């Protein structure tokens, strides 16, 4: 009985170590247009916003040379490695959030409807900046 429990424990540990070291799922990121991005309530220069194809709560923001991966449901911002994303015409193929990505400190999240769009607004306390994003509501299908 003890031998069976030890064997079962070894199998379970092997399974969890494989899951912890697994490759994150690669998502197709589609550009969002029209969208609005403001830094401290002023229009930002040189930016792009992408949305995960089947996970609309995930946004990938490229602001100048800074990449941010937003999980709107979790109110979390990650710093992904841009080298992990491949460009396919106007779309990107790359990972969603995972435990290996650095988390960026944010506070004061506000997500809500503003007419034909969803507005996401939060604060970067370390940098003392507000980021506001407006993405159009998705149509049917």
N, C-alpha and C. Protein backbone atom coordinates (compact mmCIF):
# COMPACT_ATOMS: atom_id res chain seq x y z
N UNK A 1 0.82 -1.19 0.00
CA UNK A 1 0.00 0.00 0.00
C UNK A 1 0.87 1.26 0.00
N UNK A 2 1.90 1.26 0.85
CA UNK A 2 2.81 2.39 0.91
C UNK A 2 3.56 2.55 -0.41
N UNK A 3 3.95 1.42 -1.01
CA UNK A 3 4.66 1.45 -2.29
C UNK A 3 3.76 2.05 -3.38
N UNK A 4 2.47 1.69 -3.39
CA UNK A 4 1.53 2.23 -4.38
C UNK A 4 1.36 3.73 -4.20
N UNK A 5 1.26 4.18 -2.95
CA UNK A 5 1.12 5.61 -2.68
C UNK A 5 2.36 6.37 -3.15
N UNK A 6 3.54 5.81 -2.91
CA UNK A 6 4.78 6.45 -3.35
C UNK A 6 4.83 6.53 -4.87
N UNK A 7 4.42 5.45 -5.54
CA UNK A 7 4.43 5.44 -7.00
C UNK A 7 3.43 6.47 -7.55
N UNK A 8 2.25 6.53 -6.93
CA UNK A 8 1.25 7.51 -7.36
C UNK A 8 1.76 8.93 -7.15
N UNK A 9 2.43 9.16 -6.01
CA UNK A 9 3.00 10.48 -5.74
C UNK A 9 4.07 10.85 -6.75
N UNK A 10 4.90 9.89 -7.16
CA UNK A 10 5.94 10.16 -8.16
C UNK A 10 5.32 10.51 -9.51
N UNK A 11 4.24 9.81 -9.89
CA UNK A 11 3.55 10.11 -11.15
C UNK A 11 2.95 11.50 -11.09
N UNK A 12 2.32 11.84 -9.95
CA UNK A 12 1.71 13.16 -9.80
C UNK A 12 2.78 14.26 -9.89
N UNK A 13 3.91 14.07 -9.21
CA UNK A 13 4.98 15.07 -9.26
C UNK A 13 5.53 15.22 -10.67
N UNK A 14 5.69 14.13 -11.38
CA UNK A 14 6.18 14.20 -12.76
C UNK A 14 5.19 14.97 -13.62
N UNK A 15 3.91 14.75 -13.43
CA UNK A 15 2.88 15.46 -14.19
C UNK A 15 2.88 16.95 -13.91
N UNK A 16 3.05 17.34 -12.62
CA UNK A 16 3.03 18.76 -12.30
C UNK A 16 4.29 19.45 -12.81
N UNK A 17 5.42 18.77 -12.80
CA UNK A 17 6.62 19.41 -13.32
C UNK A 17 6.54 19.58 -14.83
N UNK A 18 5.88 18.64 -15.52
CA UNK A 18 5.69 18.81 -16.96
C UNK A 18 4.77 19.98 -17.24
N UNK A 19 3.70 20.13 -16.44
CA UNK A 19 2.79 21.24 -16.66
C UNK A 19 3.48 22.57 -16.37
N UNK A 20 4.28 22.64 -15.32
CA UNK A 20 4.96 23.89 -14.97
C UNK A 20 5.93 24.29 -16.06
N UNK A 21 6.55 23.31 -16.74
CA UNK A 21 7.53 23.63 -17.77
C UNK A 21 6.95 23.61 -19.17
N UNK A 22 5.63 23.51 -19.28
CA UNK A 22 5.01 23.40 -20.60
C UNK A 22 5.12 24.70 -21.37
N UNK A 23 5.06 24.58 -22.67
CA UNK A 23 5.08 25.75 -23.54
C UNK A 23 3.71 26.42 -23.50
N UNK A 24 3.67 27.75 -23.31
CA UNK A 24 2.38 28.42 -23.27
C UNK A 24 1.66 28.33 -24.62
N UNK A 25 0.34 28.34 -24.55
CA UNK A 25 -0.47 28.29 -25.76
C UNK A 25 -0.19 29.51 -26.64
N UNK A 26 -0.05 29.26 -27.93
CA UNK A 26 0.18 30.36 -28.87
C UNK A 26 -1.18 30.82 -29.38
N UNK A 27 -1.39 32.12 -29.31
CA UNK A 27 -2.66 32.71 -29.70
C UNK A 27 -2.47 33.54 -30.96
N UNK A 28 -3.54 33.69 -31.72
CA UNK A 28 -3.54 34.58 -32.87
C UNK A 28 -4.06 35.93 -32.39
N UNK A 29 -3.25 36.95 -32.57
CA UNK A 29 -3.57 38.31 -32.13
C UNK A 29 -3.93 39.14 -33.35
N UNK A 30 -5.16 39.69 -33.37
CA UNK A 30 -5.64 40.49 -34.49
C UNK A 30 -5.62 41.96 -34.11
N UNK A 31 -5.21 42.84 -35.05
CA UNK A 31 -5.20 44.27 -34.74
C UNK A 31 -6.63 44.78 -34.52
N UNK A 32 -6.76 45.74 -33.63
CA UNK A 32 -8.05 46.36 -33.36
C UNK A 32 -8.05 47.75 -33.99
N UNK A 33 -9.03 48.00 -34.83
CA UNK A 33 -9.18 49.33 -35.42
C UNK A 33 -10.66 49.59 -35.59
N UNK A 34 -11.17 50.74 -35.33
CA UNK A 34 -10.44 51.84 -34.69
C UNK A 34 -10.37 51.64 -33.18
N UNK A 35 -9.33 52.09 -32.60
CA UNK A 35 -9.15 52.05 -31.15
C UNK A 35 -8.53 53.37 -30.73
N UNK A 36 -8.60 53.64 -29.44
CA UNK A 36 -8.03 54.87 -28.89
C UNK A 36 -7.08 54.47 -27.78
N UNK A 37 -5.92 55.09 -27.74
CA UNK A 37 -4.96 54.86 -26.67
C UNK A 37 -4.45 56.22 -26.20
N UNK A 38 -4.56 56.45 -24.90
CA UNK A 38 -4.09 57.71 -24.32
C UNK A 38 -3.18 57.41 -23.14
N UNK A 39 -2.14 58.19 -23.03
CA UNK A 39 -1.21 58.13 -21.91
C UNK A 39 -1.37 59.45 -21.16
N UNK A 40 -1.79 59.39 -19.91
CA UNK A 40 -2.06 60.58 -19.11
C UNK A 40 -3.05 61.51 -19.81
N UNK A 41 -4.10 60.93 -20.36
CA UNK A 41 -5.20 61.65 -21.03
C UNK A 41 -4.76 62.43 -22.27
N UNK A 42 -3.61 62.09 -22.82
CA UNK A 42 -3.15 62.69 -24.08
C UNK A 42 -2.94 61.58 -25.09
N UNK A 43 -3.30 61.81 -26.35
CA UNK A 43 -3.08 60.77 -27.36
C UNK A 43 -1.61 60.37 -27.42
N UNK A 44 -1.37 59.07 -27.46
CA UNK A 44 0.01 58.56 -27.52
C UNK A 44 0.44 58.46 -28.98
N UNK A 45 1.72 58.50 -29.20
CA UNK A 45 2.29 58.34 -30.54
C UNK A 45 2.77 56.91 -30.73
N UNK A 46 2.70 56.42 -31.96
CA UNK A 46 3.31 55.15 -32.34
C UNK A 46 2.88 53.98 -31.46
N UNK A 47 1.67 53.51 -31.64
CA UNK A 47 1.14 52.41 -30.86
C UNK A 47 0.27 51.50 -31.72
N UNK A 48 0.09 50.28 -31.23
CA UNK A 48 -0.79 49.30 -31.86
C UNK A 48 -1.47 48.51 -30.75
N UNK A 49 -2.69 48.05 -31.02
CA UNK A 49 -3.41 47.20 -30.08
C UNK A 49 -3.89 45.97 -30.82
N UNK A 50 -3.68 44.81 -30.21
CA UNK A 50 -4.12 43.53 -30.76
C UNK A 50 -5.00 42.85 -29.73
N UNK A 51 -5.95 42.06 -30.21
CA UNK A 51 -6.82 41.29 -29.34
C UNK A 51 -6.69 39.82 -29.69
N UNK A 52 -6.64 38.98 -28.66
CA UNK A 52 -6.56 37.54 -28.88
C UNK A 52 -7.83 37.08 -29.58
N UNK A 53 -7.66 36.21 -30.57
CA UNK A 53 -8.79 35.85 -31.43
C UNK A 53 -9.97 35.26 -30.69
N UNK A 54 -9.78 34.33 -29.80
CA UNK A 54 -10.91 33.70 -29.11
C UNK A 54 -10.97 34.06 -27.64
N UNK A 55 -10.07 34.89 -27.19
CA UNK A 55 -10.05 35.31 -25.79
C UNK A 55 -10.06 36.84 -25.75
N UNK A 56 -11.24 37.39 -25.95
CA UNK A 56 -11.37 38.84 -26.14
C UNK A 56 -11.01 39.65 -24.90
N UNK A 57 -10.81 39.00 -23.75
CA UNK A 57 -10.39 39.72 -22.55
C UNK A 57 -8.88 39.94 -22.51
N UNK A 58 -8.17 39.46 -23.53
CA UNK A 58 -6.72 39.65 -23.61
C UNK A 58 -6.38 40.65 -24.70
N UNK A 59 -5.60 41.66 -24.33
CA UNK A 59 -5.14 42.67 -25.29
C UNK A 59 -3.62 42.72 -25.24
N UNK A 60 -3.02 42.93 -26.40
CA UNK A 60 -1.58 43.11 -26.51
C UNK A 60 -1.36 44.53 -27.00
N UNK A 61 -0.69 45.34 -26.21
CA UNK A 61 -0.45 46.74 -26.53
C UNK A 61 1.03 46.93 -26.83
N UNK A 62 1.31 47.51 -27.99
CA UNK A 62 2.68 47.86 -28.34
C UNK A 62 2.72 49.38 -28.38
N UNK A 63 3.40 49.97 -27.40
CA UNK A 63 3.49 51.41 -27.24
C UNK A 63 4.95 51.80 -27.38
N UNK A 64 5.26 52.45 -28.52
CA UNK A 64 6.66 52.69 -28.89
C UNK A 64 7.36 51.33 -28.96
N UNK A 65 8.34 51.09 -28.12
CA UNK A 65 9.03 49.78 -28.09
C UNK A 65 8.65 48.96 -26.87
N UNK A 66 7.62 49.36 -26.17
CA UNK A 66 7.20 48.67 -24.96
C UNK A 66 5.99 47.77 -25.25
N UNK A 67 6.08 46.52 -24.87
CA UNK A 67 5.00 45.55 -25.07
C UNK A 67 4.34 45.27 -23.74
N UNK A 68 3.00 45.32 -23.74
CA UNK A 68 2.22 45.05 -22.55
C UNK A 68 1.09 44.08 -22.91
N UNK A 69 0.92 43.06 -22.12
CA UNK A 69 -0.16 42.11 -22.33
C UNK A 69 -1.17 42.31 -21.21
N UNK A 70 -2.38 42.69 -21.55
CA UNK A 70 -3.42 42.98 -20.57
C UNK A 70 -4.40 41.83 -20.46
N UNK A 71 -4.67 41.41 -19.25
CA UNK A 71 -5.75 40.48 -18.96
C UNK A 71 -6.81 41.31 -18.26
N UNK A 72 -7.84 41.71 -19.00
CA UNK A 72 -8.85 42.63 -18.47
C UNK A 72 -9.65 41.98 -17.34
N UNK A 73 -9.96 40.70 -17.47
CA UNK A 73 -10.72 40.01 -16.41
C UNK A 73 -9.95 39.99 -15.09
N UNK A 74 -8.66 39.71 -15.17
CA UNK A 74 -7.83 39.58 -13.96
C UNK A 74 -7.28 40.93 -13.50
N UNK A 75 -7.50 42.00 -14.26
CA UNK A 75 -6.92 43.31 -13.97
C UNK A 75 -5.41 43.18 -13.77
N UNK A 76 -4.77 42.55 -14.75
CA UNK A 76 -3.33 42.30 -14.68
C UNK A 76 -2.65 42.73 -15.97
N UNK A 77 -1.43 43.21 -15.84
CA UNK A 77 -0.60 43.60 -16.98
C UNK A 77 0.71 42.82 -16.89
N UNK A 78 1.07 42.20 -17.99
CA UNK A 78 2.30 41.42 -18.08
C UNK A 78 3.24 42.08 -19.07
N UNK A 79 4.52 41.77 -18.94
CA UNK A 79 5.52 42.28 -19.87
C UNK A 79 6.03 41.09 -20.69
N UNK A 80 5.44 40.85 -21.87
CA UNK A 80 5.86 39.71 -22.69
C UNK A 80 7.17 39.99 -23.42
N UNK A 81 7.83 38.94 -23.85
CA UNK A 81 9.05 39.05 -24.64
C UNK A 81 8.65 39.20 -26.11
N UNK A 82 8.93 40.34 -26.73
CA UNK A 82 8.53 40.57 -28.13
C UNK A 82 9.10 39.52 -29.09
N UNK A 83 10.22 38.90 -28.73
CA UNK A 83 10.84 37.89 -29.61
C UNK A 83 9.97 36.64 -29.76
N UNK A 84 9.00 36.46 -28.85
CA UNK A 84 8.15 35.28 -28.91
C UNK A 84 6.96 35.44 -29.85
N UNK A 85 6.83 36.61 -30.47
CA UNK A 85 5.70 36.90 -31.36
C UNK A 85 6.18 36.96 -32.80
N UNK A 86 5.46 36.24 -33.66
CA UNK A 86 5.76 36.21 -35.09
C UNK A 86 4.71 37.01 -35.83
N UNK A 87 5.17 37.83 -36.76
CA UNK A 87 4.23 38.63 -37.55
C UNK A 87 3.76 37.80 -38.75
N UNK A 88 2.43 37.78 -38.95
CA UNK A 88 1.80 37.12 -40.09
C UNK A 88 0.90 38.15 -40.74
N UNK A 89 1.47 38.88 -41.70
CA UNK A 89 0.79 40.03 -42.33
C UNK A 89 0.44 41.05 -41.26
N UNK A 90 -0.84 41.28 -41.01
CA UNK A 90 -1.21 42.28 -40.00
C UNK A 90 -1.40 41.66 -38.62
N UNK A 91 -1.38 40.34 -38.53
CA UNK A 91 -1.63 39.65 -37.26
C UNK A 91 -0.32 39.20 -36.62
N UNK A 92 -0.42 38.84 -35.35
CA UNK A 92 0.72 38.30 -34.62
C UNK A 92 0.36 36.91 -34.10
N UNK A 93 1.34 36.05 -33.99
CA UNK A 93 1.15 34.73 -33.39
C UNK A 93 2.12 34.65 -32.22
N UNK A 94 1.57 34.44 -31.02
CA UNK A 94 2.43 34.39 -29.86
C UNK A 94 1.66 34.04 -28.61
N UNK A 95 2.35 33.94 -27.48
CA UNK A 95 1.74 33.45 -26.25
C UNK A 95 0.80 34.44 -25.59
N UNK A 96 -0.10 33.87 -24.79
CA UNK A 96 -0.91 34.65 -23.88
C UNK A 96 -0.16 34.76 -22.56
N UNK A 97 -0.80 35.25 -21.52
CA UNK A 97 -0.11 35.39 -20.23
C UNK A 97 0.26 34.04 -19.64
N UNK A 98 1.43 33.99 -19.02
CA UNK A 98 1.83 32.77 -18.30
C UNK A 98 2.71 33.15 -17.12
N UNK A 99 3.02 32.16 -16.30
CA UNK A 99 3.74 32.43 -15.06
C UNK A 99 5.19 32.89 -15.28
N UNK A 100 5.71 32.78 -16.50
CA UNK A 100 7.08 33.20 -16.77
C UNK A 100 7.18 34.68 -17.14
N UNK A 101 6.04 35.33 -17.38
CA UNK A 101 6.06 36.74 -17.76
C UNK A 101 6.10 37.62 -16.51
N UNK A 102 6.88 38.68 -16.61
CA UNK A 102 6.94 39.64 -15.51
C UNK A 102 5.59 40.36 -15.41
N UNK A 103 5.15 40.58 -14.19
CA UNK A 103 3.92 41.32 -13.95
C UNK A 103 4.26 42.78 -13.69
N UNK A 104 3.52 43.68 -14.33
CA UNK A 104 3.73 45.11 -14.16
C UNK A 104 2.74 45.59 -13.10
N UNK A 105 3.22 46.33 -12.13
CA UNK A 105 2.35 46.84 -11.06
C UNK A 105 1.38 47.88 -11.62
N UNK A 106 0.09 47.66 -11.35
CA UNK A 106 -0.95 48.59 -11.76
C UNK A 106 -1.98 48.72 -10.63
N UNK A 107 -2.69 49.83 -10.63
CA UNK A 107 -3.76 50.06 -9.66
C UNK A 107 -4.89 50.82 -10.34
N UNK A 108 -5.95 51.06 -9.60
CA UNK A 108 -7.07 51.90 -10.02
C UNK A 108 -7.69 51.47 -11.35
N UNK A 109 -7.93 50.19 -11.51
CA UNK A 109 -8.54 49.69 -12.73
C UNK A 109 -9.99 50.14 -12.84
N UNK A 110 -10.38 50.55 -14.04
CA UNK A 110 -11.77 50.89 -14.33
C UNK A 110 -12.06 50.38 -15.74
N UNK A 111 -13.02 49.48 -15.84
CA UNK A 111 -13.40 48.90 -17.13
C UNK A 111 -14.90 49.11 -17.28
N UNK A 112 -15.32 49.73 -18.38
CA UNK A 112 -16.74 49.95 -18.57
C UNK A 112 -17.08 50.41 -19.98
N UNK A 113 -18.37 50.48 -20.25
CA UNK A 113 -18.85 50.92 -21.56
C UNK A 113 -18.79 52.43 -21.67
N UNK A 114 -18.38 52.90 -22.82
CA UNK A 114 -18.43 54.32 -23.16
C UNK A 114 -19.02 54.42 -24.57
N UNK A 115 -20.32 54.26 -24.66
CA UNK A 115 -20.99 54.28 -25.96
C UNK A 115 -20.66 53.05 -26.76
N UNK A 116 -20.07 53.21 -27.95
CA UNK A 116 -19.81 52.06 -28.82
C UNK A 116 -18.52 51.30 -28.49
N UNK A 117 -17.91 51.62 -27.36
CA UNK A 117 -16.61 51.01 -27.03
C UNK A 117 -16.55 50.60 -25.56
N UNK A 118 -15.58 49.75 -25.26
CA UNK A 118 -15.23 49.42 -23.88
C UNK A 118 -13.98 50.22 -23.54
N UNK A 119 -14.02 50.89 -22.40
CA UNK A 119 -12.85 51.67 -21.97
C UNK A 119 -12.17 50.94 -20.83
N UNK A 120 -10.85 50.81 -20.95
CA UNK A 120 -10.01 50.21 -19.92
C UNK A 120 -9.05 51.30 -19.46
N UNK A 121 -9.04 51.55 -18.18
CA UNK A 121 -8.17 52.61 -17.64
C UNK A 121 -7.53 52.09 -16.35
N UNK A 122 -6.22 52.33 -16.22
CA UNK A 122 -5.51 51.94 -15.00
C UNK A 122 -4.27 52.80 -14.85
N UNK A 123 -3.64 52.67 -13.68
CA UNK A 123 -2.52 53.52 -13.30
C UNK A 123 -1.27 52.68 -13.07
N UNK A 124 -0.12 53.19 -13.57
CA UNK A 124 1.19 52.59 -13.31
C UNK A 124 1.83 53.38 -12.16
N UNK A 125 1.77 52.91 -10.92
CA UNK A 125 2.29 53.71 -9.80
C UNK A 125 3.79 53.95 -9.86
N UNK A 126 4.57 53.01 -10.34
CA UNK A 126 6.03 53.19 -10.39
C UNK A 126 6.42 54.31 -11.35
N UNK A 127 5.64 54.48 -12.41
CA UNK A 127 5.96 55.48 -13.43
C UNK A 127 5.09 56.72 -13.34
N UNK A 128 4.05 56.62 -12.51
CA UNK A 128 3.10 57.72 -12.33
C UNK A 128 2.42 58.12 -13.64
N UNK A 129 1.93 57.10 -14.34
CA UNK A 129 1.21 57.34 -15.60
C UNK A 129 -0.11 56.59 -15.61
N UNK A 130 -1.10 57.20 -16.26
CA UNK A 130 -2.38 56.56 -16.52
C UNK A 130 -2.39 56.07 -17.95
N UNK A 131 -2.96 54.90 -18.17
CA UNK A 131 -3.15 54.38 -19.53
C UNK A 131 -4.65 54.19 -19.73
N UNK A 132 -5.16 54.75 -20.81
CA UNK A 132 -6.57 54.61 -21.17
C UNK A 132 -6.66 54.02 -22.57
N UNK A 133 -7.47 52.99 -22.70
CA UNK A 133 -7.65 52.32 -24.00
C UNK A 133 -9.14 52.20 -24.24
N UNK A 134 -9.56 52.51 -25.46
CA UNK A 134 -10.94 52.28 -25.86
C UNK A 134 -10.93 51.36 -27.07
N UNK A 135 -11.65 50.23 -26.92
CA UNK A 135 -11.74 49.27 -28.03
C UNK A 135 -13.22 49.12 -28.38
N UNK A 136 -13.52 49.10 -29.69
CA UNK A 136 -14.93 48.99 -30.09
C UNK A 136 -15.53 47.66 -29.65
N UNK A 137 -16.83 47.70 -29.34
CA UNK A 137 -17.53 46.47 -29.01
C UNK A 137 -17.51 45.57 -30.24
N UNK A 138 -17.41 44.27 -30.01
CA UNK A 138 -17.40 43.33 -31.12
C UNK A 138 -18.81 43.10 -31.60
N UNK A 139 -18.95 43.04 -32.91
CA UNK A 139 -20.25 42.72 -33.51
C UNK A 139 -20.52 41.24 -33.42
N UNK A 140 -21.71 40.81 -33.80
CA UNK A 140 -22.01 39.37 -33.76
C UNK A 140 -21.14 38.59 -34.73
N UNK A 141 -20.75 37.40 -34.27
CA UNK A 141 -20.04 36.44 -35.09
C UNK A 141 -18.68 36.84 -35.45
